[in-house]
N, C-alpha and C. Protein backbone atom coordinates (compact mmCIF):
# COMPACT_ATOMS: atom_id res chain seq x y z
N UNK A 1 169.63 114.37 65.29
CA UNK A 1 170.17 114.95 66.50
C UNK A 1 169.16 115.97 67.03
N UNK A 2 168.89 115.91 68.34
CA UNK A 2 167.94 116.86 68.91
C UNK A 2 168.65 118.10 69.42
N UNK A 3 167.86 119.10 69.79
CA UNK A 3 168.42 120.39 70.22
C UNK A 3 169.34 120.24 71.42
N UNK A 4 168.97 119.40 72.38
CA UNK A 4 169.80 119.22 73.57
C UNK A 4 171.17 118.67 73.21
N UNK A 5 171.22 117.76 72.24
CA UNK A 5 172.51 117.22 71.80
C UNK A 5 173.34 118.28 71.10
N UNK A 6 172.71 119.11 70.31
CA UNK A 6 173.43 120.18 69.60
C UNK A 6 173.96 121.20 70.60
N UNK A 7 173.13 121.59 71.57
CA UNK A 7 173.53 122.60 72.56
C UNK A 7 174.59 122.04 73.50
N UNK A 8 174.39 120.82 73.97
CA UNK A 8 175.38 120.16 74.81
C UNK A 8 175.54 120.73 76.21
N UNK A 9 174.55 121.44 76.71
CA UNK A 9 174.63 122.04 78.04
C UNK A 9 173.25 121.94 78.70
N UNK A 10 172.99 120.81 79.34
CA UNK A 10 171.68 120.56 79.94
C UNK A 10 171.33 121.59 81.00
N UNK A 11 172.31 122.01 81.78
CA UNK A 11 172.06 123.01 82.82
C UNK A 11 171.56 124.31 82.21
N UNK A 12 172.17 124.76 81.11
CA UNK A 12 171.73 125.98 80.45
C UNK A 12 170.31 125.82 79.91
N UNK A 13 170.03 124.65 79.34
CA UNK A 13 168.69 124.38 78.81
C UNK A 13 167.66 124.50 79.93
N UNK A 14 167.94 123.85 81.06
CA UNK A 14 166.98 123.81 82.17
C UNK A 14 166.84 125.15 82.88
N UNK A 15 167.95 125.86 83.06
CA UNK A 15 167.95 127.06 83.91
C UNK A 15 167.87 128.38 83.16
N UNK A 16 168.17 128.38 81.86
CA UNK A 16 168.14 129.62 81.09
C UNK A 16 167.15 129.56 79.93
N UNK A 17 167.33 128.58 79.05
CA UNK A 17 166.51 128.51 77.85
C UNK A 17 165.03 128.33 78.16
N UNK A 18 164.68 127.32 78.92
CA UNK A 18 163.27 127.03 79.18
C UNK A 18 162.57 128.18 79.90
N UNK A 19 163.16 128.75 80.97
CA UNK A 19 162.49 129.91 81.59
C UNK A 19 162.35 131.10 80.63
N UNK A 20 163.34 131.32 79.77
CA UNK A 20 163.26 132.43 78.81
C UNK A 20 162.14 132.20 77.82
N UNK A 21 162.06 131.00 77.26
CA UNK A 21 161.00 130.68 76.30
C UNK A 21 159.63 130.73 76.98
N UNK A 22 159.56 130.24 78.21
CA UNK A 22 158.28 130.25 78.94
C UNK A 22 157.77 131.66 79.19
N UNK A 23 158.68 132.61 79.35
CA UNK A 23 158.27 133.97 79.64
C UNK A 23 158.27 134.90 78.44
N UNK A 24 158.41 134.34 77.24
CA UNK A 24 158.55 135.21 76.07
C UNK A 24 157.30 136.03 75.77
N UNK A 25 156.13 135.48 76.02
CA UNK A 25 154.91 136.24 75.77
C UNK A 25 154.84 137.48 76.65
N UNK A 26 155.13 137.30 77.94
CA UNK A 26 155.12 138.43 78.87
C UNK A 26 156.21 139.44 78.50
N UNK A 27 157.37 138.94 78.06
CA UNK A 27 158.46 139.85 77.67
C UNK A 27 158.08 140.69 76.46
N UNK A 28 157.38 140.10 75.52
CA UNK A 28 156.93 140.84 74.33
C UNK A 28 155.92 141.91 74.73
N UNK A 29 154.99 141.54 75.59
CA UNK A 29 153.99 142.51 76.05
C UNK A 29 154.68 143.67 76.77
N UNK A 30 155.66 143.35 77.62
CA UNK A 30 156.37 144.40 78.35
C UNK A 30 157.16 145.30 77.40
N UNK A 31 157.82 144.71 76.42
CA UNK A 31 158.66 145.49 75.50
C UNK A 31 157.83 146.31 74.51
N UNK A 32 156.75 145.73 74.00
CA UNK A 32 155.96 146.37 72.95
C UNK A 32 154.73 147.08 73.47
N UNK A 33 154.30 146.69 74.65
CA UNK A 33 153.07 147.26 75.17
C UNK A 33 151.83 146.63 74.55
N UNK A 34 152.02 145.56 73.79
CA UNK A 34 150.89 144.84 73.20
C UNK A 34 151.21 143.36 73.16
N UNK A 35 150.22 142.56 72.82
CA UNK A 35 150.36 141.11 72.89
C UNK A 35 151.26 140.55 71.80
N UNK A 36 151.57 139.29 71.98
CA UNK A 36 152.39 138.56 71.00
C UNK A 36 151.50 137.81 70.02
N UNK A 37 150.34 138.36 69.70
CA UNK A 37 149.37 137.69 68.83
C UNK A 37 149.95 137.38 67.46
N UNK A 38 150.79 138.26 66.92
CA UNK A 38 151.38 138.01 65.60
C UNK A 38 152.27 136.78 65.64
N UNK A 39 153.02 136.61 66.72
CA UNK A 39 153.88 135.44 66.87
C UNK A 39 153.03 134.17 66.97
N UNK A 40 151.95 134.23 67.73
CA UNK A 40 151.05 133.08 67.86
C UNK A 40 150.40 132.76 66.52
N UNK A 41 150.03 133.78 65.77
CA UNK A 41 149.42 133.57 64.45
C UNK A 41 150.41 132.91 63.51
N UNK A 42 151.67 133.36 63.53
CA UNK A 42 152.70 132.76 62.67
C UNK A 42 152.91 131.29 63.03
N UNK A 43 152.91 130.98 64.32
CA UNK A 43 153.08 129.59 64.76
C UNK A 43 151.89 128.74 64.31
N UNK A 44 150.69 129.30 64.34
CA UNK A 44 149.49 128.59 63.89
C UNK A 44 149.58 128.29 62.40
N UNK A 45 150.05 129.25 61.63
CA UNK A 45 150.22 129.05 60.19
C UNK A 45 151.24 127.95 59.92
N UNK A 46 152.36 127.98 60.64
CA UNK A 46 153.39 126.94 60.48
C UNK A 46 152.83 125.56 60.80
N UNK A 47 152.06 125.47 61.89
CA UNK A 47 151.48 124.18 62.29
C UNK A 47 150.49 123.68 61.24
N UNK A 48 149.65 124.57 60.73
CA UNK A 48 148.69 124.18 59.69
C UNK A 48 149.41 123.73 58.43
N UNK A 49 150.47 124.43 58.06
CA UNK A 49 151.24 124.04 56.87
C UNK A 49 151.82 122.63 57.05
N UNK A 50 152.45 122.38 58.21
CA UNK A 50 153.02 121.06 58.46
C UNK A 50 151.94 119.99 58.45
N UNK A 51 150.79 120.28 59.04
CA UNK A 51 149.72 119.30 59.13
C UNK A 51 149.15 118.99 57.75
N UNK A 52 148.86 120.01 56.98
CA UNK A 52 148.20 119.81 55.69
C UNK A 52 149.15 119.36 54.59
N UNK A 53 150.37 119.87 54.59
CA UNK A 53 151.32 119.56 53.52
C UNK A 53 152.38 118.56 53.92
N UNK A 54 152.45 118.25 55.20
CA UNK A 54 153.43 117.29 55.68
C UNK A 54 154.75 117.95 56.03
N UNK A 55 155.38 117.41 57.05
CA UNK A 55 156.72 117.86 57.43
C UNK A 55 157.70 117.23 56.44
N UNK A 56 158.87 117.83 56.28
CA UNK A 56 159.86 117.23 55.37
C UNK A 56 160.17 115.78 55.75
N UNK A 57 160.47 114.98 54.76
CA UNK A 57 160.79 113.56 54.97
C UNK A 57 161.87 113.41 56.04
N UNK A 58 161.62 112.52 56.99
CA UNK A 58 162.59 112.27 58.05
C UNK A 58 162.54 113.29 59.18
N UNK A 59 161.64 114.26 59.10
CA UNK A 59 161.53 115.29 60.12
C UNK A 59 160.18 115.14 60.81
N UNK A 60 160.03 115.78 61.95
CA UNK A 60 158.75 115.79 62.63
C UNK A 60 158.51 117.16 63.23
N UNK A 61 157.27 117.40 63.58
CA UNK A 61 156.86 118.68 64.17
C UNK A 61 156.24 118.39 65.53
N UNK A 62 156.12 119.42 66.34
CA UNK A 62 155.39 119.30 67.61
C UNK A 62 153.98 119.80 67.38
N UNK A 63 153.01 119.01 67.82
CA UNK A 63 151.61 119.36 67.57
C UNK A 63 150.76 118.88 68.75
N UNK A 64 149.78 119.68 69.13
CA UNK A 64 148.84 119.27 70.18
C UNK A 64 147.83 118.31 69.56
N UNK A 65 147.85 117.06 70.03
CA UNK A 65 146.95 116.03 69.51
C UNK A 65 146.36 115.24 70.68
N UNK A 66 145.34 114.46 70.40
CA UNK A 66 144.72 113.62 71.41
C UNK A 66 145.66 112.45 71.71
N UNK A 67 145.97 112.28 72.99
CA UNK A 67 146.91 111.24 73.40
C UNK A 67 146.34 109.84 73.19
N UNK A 68 147.22 108.96 72.75
CA UNK A 68 146.88 107.54 72.66
C UNK A 68 147.55 106.77 73.81
N UNK A 69 148.08 107.53 74.78
CA UNK A 69 148.78 106.92 75.91
C UNK A 69 150.29 106.94 75.75
N UNK A 70 150.78 107.41 74.62
CA UNK A 70 152.22 107.45 74.37
C UNK A 70 152.93 108.34 75.39
N UNK A 71 154.15 107.95 75.71
CA UNK A 71 155.03 108.71 76.60
C UNK A 71 154.42 108.97 77.97
N UNK A 72 153.50 108.10 78.39
CA UNK A 72 152.93 108.20 79.72
C UNK A 72 151.86 109.26 79.89
N UNK A 73 151.40 109.85 78.79
CA UNK A 73 150.32 110.85 78.86
C UNK A 73 149.00 110.08 78.79
N UNK A 74 148.09 110.31 79.74
CA UNK A 74 146.84 109.55 79.75
C UNK A 74 146.08 109.64 78.42
N UNK A 75 145.53 108.53 78.01
CA UNK A 75 144.76 108.47 76.77
C UNK A 75 143.61 109.47 76.81
N UNK A 76 143.41 110.17 75.71
CA UNK A 76 142.32 111.12 75.59
C UNK A 76 142.68 112.55 75.96
N UNK A 77 143.80 112.74 76.67
CA UNK A 77 144.23 114.09 77.04
C UNK A 77 144.89 114.74 75.82
N UNK A 78 144.62 115.99 75.58
CA UNK A 78 145.25 116.69 74.46
C UNK A 78 146.59 117.23 74.95
N UNK A 79 147.66 116.84 74.26
CA UNK A 79 149.01 117.20 74.68
C UNK A 79 149.89 117.39 73.45
N UNK A 80 150.97 118.12 73.62
CA UNK A 80 151.92 118.30 72.53
C UNK A 80 152.75 117.03 72.37
N UNK A 81 152.89 116.60 71.13
CA UNK A 81 153.66 115.41 70.81
C UNK A 81 154.54 115.67 69.60
N UNK A 82 155.62 114.91 69.49
CA UNK A 82 156.34 114.90 68.22
C UNK A 82 155.52 114.07 67.24
N UNK A 83 155.21 114.63 66.08
CA UNK A 83 154.40 113.92 65.10
C UNK A 83 155.02 114.02 63.71
N UNK A 84 154.76 113.01 62.91
CA UNK A 84 155.00 113.11 61.48
C UNK A 84 153.65 113.39 60.85
N UNK A 85 153.67 114.11 59.75
CA UNK A 85 152.42 114.48 59.10
C UNK A 85 152.49 114.20 57.61
N UNK A 86 151.34 113.83 57.07
CA UNK A 86 151.25 113.58 55.63
C UNK A 86 149.79 113.62 55.23
N UNK A 87 149.49 114.39 54.19
CA UNK A 87 148.13 114.45 53.64
C UNK A 87 147.06 114.76 54.68
N UNK A 88 147.36 115.64 55.63
CA UNK A 88 146.40 116.03 56.64
C UNK A 88 146.27 115.05 57.79
N UNK A 89 147.07 114.01 57.80
CA UNK A 89 147.06 113.03 58.88
C UNK A 89 148.32 113.19 59.72
N UNK A 90 148.25 112.78 60.96
CA UNK A 90 149.41 112.84 61.83
C UNK A 90 149.60 111.50 62.53
N UNK A 91 150.84 111.25 62.92
CA UNK A 91 151.17 110.04 63.66
C UNK A 91 152.22 110.39 64.70
N UNK A 92 151.99 109.98 65.95
CA UNK A 92 152.93 110.27 67.02
C UNK A 92 154.22 109.50 66.78
N UNK A 93 155.34 110.21 66.88
CA UNK A 93 156.66 109.59 66.75
C UNK A 93 156.90 108.77 68.02
N UNK A 94 157.24 107.51 67.85
CA UNK A 94 157.46 106.62 68.99
C UNK A 94 158.96 106.41 69.22
N UNK A 95 159.29 106.03 70.45
CA UNK A 95 160.64 105.58 70.75
C UNK A 95 161.67 106.64 71.06
N UNK A 96 161.25 107.90 71.22
CA UNK A 96 162.23 108.93 71.57
C UNK A 96 162.65 108.75 73.02
N UNK A 97 163.93 108.95 73.29
CA UNK A 97 164.44 108.82 74.65
C UNK A 97 164.00 110.03 75.48
N UNK A 98 163.49 109.75 76.67
CA UNK A 98 163.04 110.80 77.57
C UNK A 98 163.96 110.79 78.79
N UNK A 99 164.76 111.86 78.97
CA UNK A 99 165.65 111.90 80.13
C UNK A 99 164.86 112.28 81.39
N UNK A 100 165.52 112.23 82.54
CA UNK A 100 164.82 112.47 83.81
C UNK A 100 164.20 113.86 83.87
N UNK A 101 164.92 114.88 83.40
CA UNK A 101 164.39 116.24 83.41
C UNK A 101 163.14 116.33 82.55
N UNK A 102 163.21 115.79 81.34
CA UNK A 102 162.05 115.83 80.44
C UNK A 102 160.87 115.07 81.04
N UNK A 103 161.15 113.94 81.68
CA UNK A 103 160.08 113.16 82.32
C UNK A 103 159.37 114.00 83.38
N UNK A 104 160.16 114.71 84.20
CA UNK A 104 159.56 115.56 85.24
C UNK A 104 158.72 116.67 84.61
N UNK A 105 159.21 117.26 83.54
CA UNK A 105 158.47 118.34 82.87
C UNK A 105 157.17 117.80 82.25
N UNK A 106 157.25 116.65 81.61
CA UNK A 106 156.06 116.03 81.01
C UNK A 106 155.04 115.71 82.11
N UNK A 107 155.51 115.11 83.20
CA UNK A 107 154.60 114.74 84.29
C UNK A 107 153.94 115.97 84.90
N UNK A 108 154.69 117.06 85.06
CA UNK A 108 154.12 118.30 85.61
C UNK A 108 153.07 118.87 84.66
N UNK A 109 153.36 118.84 83.37
CA UNK A 109 152.42 119.35 82.38
C UNK A 109 151.16 118.49 82.34
N UNK A 110 151.32 117.18 82.40
CA UNK A 110 150.17 116.27 82.40
C UNK A 110 149.29 116.54 83.62
N UNK A 111 149.90 116.73 84.79
CA UNK A 111 149.12 117.02 85.99
C UNK A 111 148.33 118.31 85.82
N UNK A 112 148.96 119.33 85.24
CA UNK A 112 148.27 120.60 85.01
C UNK A 112 147.13 120.45 84.01
N UNK A 113 147.39 119.73 82.92
CA UNK A 113 146.35 119.52 81.91
C UNK A 113 145.17 118.72 82.48
N UNK A 114 145.48 117.69 83.27
CA UNK A 114 144.42 116.88 83.86
C UNK A 114 143.57 117.72 84.82
N UNK A 115 144.23 118.59 85.59
CA UNK A 115 143.50 119.47 86.52
C UNK A 115 142.61 120.44 85.75
N UNK A 116 143.13 120.99 84.67
CA UNK A 116 142.32 121.90 83.85
C UNK A 116 141.12 121.18 83.24
N UNK A 117 141.35 119.94 82.78
CA UNK A 117 140.24 119.17 82.20
C UNK A 117 139.16 118.91 83.25
N UNK A 118 139.59 118.58 84.48
CA UNK A 118 138.62 118.35 85.57
C UNK A 118 137.83 119.62 85.87
N UNK A 119 138.51 120.76 85.88
CA UNK A 119 137.83 122.04 86.16
C UNK A 119 136.79 122.34 85.10
N UNK A 120 137.15 122.16 83.85
CA UNK A 120 136.24 122.44 82.74
C UNK A 120 135.08 121.44 82.75
N UNK A 121 135.39 120.19 83.03
CA UNK A 121 134.35 119.17 83.11
C UNK A 121 133.38 119.50 84.24
N UNK A 122 133.92 119.95 85.38
CA UNK A 122 133.10 120.32 86.52
C UNK A 122 132.16 121.48 86.22
N UNK A 123 132.55 122.32 85.29
CA UNK A 123 131.69 123.44 84.89
C UNK A 123 130.67 123.03 83.83
N UNK A 124 130.76 121.77 83.40
CA UNK A 124 129.83 121.27 82.39
C UNK A 124 130.15 121.74 80.98
N UNK A 125 131.39 122.19 80.77
CA UNK A 125 131.76 122.71 79.45
C UNK A 125 132.20 121.61 78.48
N UNK A 126 132.57 120.47 79.02
CA UNK A 126 132.90 119.32 78.15
C UNK A 126 132.30 118.06 78.74
């Protein structure tokens, strides 16, 4: 069962949860007067643990990996995907249902990532 099914309120997810999570870094800086670097470091440690030691059986993690074209993300673009991990290897989870809202969010993110890649390529950095 995914988080949206557990929560059962798509409107709250779209209008409250996602904007709150998106702005959490700025909120931490405003509240503490310093960056959320410790939170980012903890997330990096969690991702490395999942990657190197594997996620629990039957579970998956979200990880930025090179796209193979899954879920409509252009091949070669680095994007967050649901992945299973084992022995330092990862595999994109296939077949997850993507609702209309998620499709719009994925498409917007892909457009932003593609634009950033073009900008960096134009500067000769990649």
